[in-house]
Amino acid sequence: MSTAFNSIKRGLLEAIEHAEGRAPQARIHRPRPIDVKALRAKVHMTQEQFAARFGFSTATLRHWERGDRAPQGPALVLLNVIEHNPNAVIDALAAPELAAA
């Protein structure tokens, strides 16, 4: 049988095992919570600058900073990466025409 078939078959069997509660324990990685206001201060940006640079709405950023809401999912992952290496994120998000310059 083809490699593609075997891959699909393996995936379906794993899905059945999981549905039946027989799947091996998966390791779950949970990003740690971020103090968004402290992170923004660390990178020396205003709310507007931080939101524009990293693709968040200013309103969402304000909610996070006030504690009305907490970042979750991909936003929380991105904030963890920004905290670890903001320049890597800035470089990755740079417009192609700016990156070539």
Protein backbone atom coordinates (compact mmCIF):
# COMPACT_ATOMS: atom_id res chain seq x y z
CA MET A 1 0.00 0.00 0.00
CA SER A 2 1.07 3.59 -0.50
CA THR A 3 2.81 5.70 2.10
CA ALA A 4 -0.10 8.15 2.04
CA PHE A 5 -2.58 5.34 2.73
CA ASN A 6 -0.49 4.01 5.62
CA SER A 7 -0.23 7.50 7.12
CA ILE A 8 -3.99 8.05 6.89
CA LYS A 9 -4.69 4.59 8.31
CA ARG A 10 -2.33 5.20 11.25
CA GLY A 11 -4.00 8.56 11.94
CA LEU A 12 -7.48 7.02 11.89
CA LEU A 13 -6.44 4.19 14.22
CA GLU A 14 -4.94 6.73 16.64
CA ALA A 15 -8.17 8.75 16.50
CA ILE A 16 -10.21 5.63 17.33
CA GLU A 17 -7.91 4.80 20.25
CA HIS A 18 -8.22 8.33 21.54
CA ALA A 19 -12.02 8.29 21.23
CA GLU A 20 -12.14 5.04 23.17
CA GLY A 21 -9.85 6.42 25.87
CA ARG A 22 -7.01 4.07 24.97
CA ALA A 23 -4.62 6.62 23.52
CA PRO A 24 -1.20 6.94 25.12
CA GLN A 25 -0.79 10.02 27.26
CA ALA A 26 0.15 13.00 25.16
CA ARG A 27 2.43 15.68 26.48
CA ILE A 28 0.55 18.96 26.56
CA HIS A 29 2.52 22.20 26.42
CA ARG A 30 0.76 25.15 27.98
CA PRO A 31 2.29 28.58 27.47
CA ARG A 32 2.78 30.37 30.74
CA PRO A 33 0.64 33.40 31.54
CA ILE A 34 2.09 36.77 30.54
CA ASP A 35 1.92 40.14 32.26
CA VAL A 36 1.18 42.01 29.05
CA LYS A 37 1.65 45.48 30.52
CA ALA A 38 5.08 44.55 31.91
CA LEU A 39 6.04 42.97 28.58
CA ARG A 40 5.03 46.10 26.68
CA ALA A 41 7.05 48.25 29.09
CA LYS A 42 10.04 45.89 28.66
CA VAL A 43 10.07 46.52 24.90
CA HIS A 44 9.54 50.27 25.42
CA MET A 45 6.41 50.63 23.30
CA THR A 46 3.14 52.47 23.72
CA GLN A 47 -0.06 50.47 23.52
CA GLU A 48 -0.60 51.68 19.98
CA GLN A 49 2.95 50.78 18.91
CA PHE A 50 2.83 47.33 20.52
CA ALA A 51 -0.58 46.51 19.05
CA ALA A 52 0.42 47.66 15.55
CA ARG A 53 3.83 45.97 15.62
CA PHE A 54 2.57 42.57 16.74
CA GLY A 55 -0.89 42.49 15.12
CA PHE A 56 -3.19 42.93 18.11
CA SER A 57 -6.03 45.41 18.29
CA THR A 58 -5.44 48.25 20.74
CA ALA A 59 -8.76 47.45 22.43
CA THR A 60 -7.72 43.83 23.01
CA LEU A 61 -4.37 44.95 24.38
CA ARG A 62 -6.12 47.30 26.81
CA HIS A 63 -8.40 44.50 28.02
CA TRP A 64 -5.38 42.28 28.65
CA GLU A 65 -3.54 45.01 30.52
CA ARG A 66 -6.55 45.85 32.71
CA GLY A 67 -7.11 42.19 33.46
CA ASP A 68 -10.61 42.15 31.94
CA ARG A 69 -9.46 39.33 29.68
CA ALA A 70 -6.43 37.07 29.44
CA PRO A 71 -4.64 36.23 26.22
CA GLN A 72 -5.24 32.64 25.13
CA GLY A 73 -4.31 30.27 22.34
CA PRO A 74 -2.08 31.60 19.57
CA ALA A 75 -2.01 35.10 21.10
CA LEU A 76 -0.57 33.70 24.33
CA VAL A 77 2.01 31.71 22.41
CA LEU A 78 3.00 34.82 20.45
CA LEU A 79 3.29 36.88 23.64
CA ASN A 80 5.57 34.23 25.15
CA VAL A 81 7.79 34.37 22.08
CA ILE A 82 7.80 38.19 22.19
CA GLU A 83 8.85 38.05 25.83
CA HIS A 84 11.67 35.63 25.01
CA ASN A 85 12.92 37.30 21.81
CA PRO A 86 11.00 40.36 20.59
CA ASN A 87 13.44 41.06 17.76
CA ALA A 88 12.87 37.61 16.25
CA VAL A 89 9.14 38.33 16.07
CA ILE A 90 9.72 41.82 14.69
CA ASP A 91 12.02 40.38 12.01
CA ALA A 92 9.55 37.61 11.16
CA LEU A 93 6.68 40.05 10.80
CA ALA A 94 8.64 42.63 8.79
CA ALA A 95 7.20 43.46 5.41
CA PRO A 96 9.10 41.67 2.60
CA GLU A 97 10.14 44.96 1.01
CA LEU A 98 11.61 46.16 4.33
CA ALA A 99 13.35 42.85 5.03
CA ALA A 100 15.26 43.03 1.74
CA ALA A 101 16.58 46.51 2.50
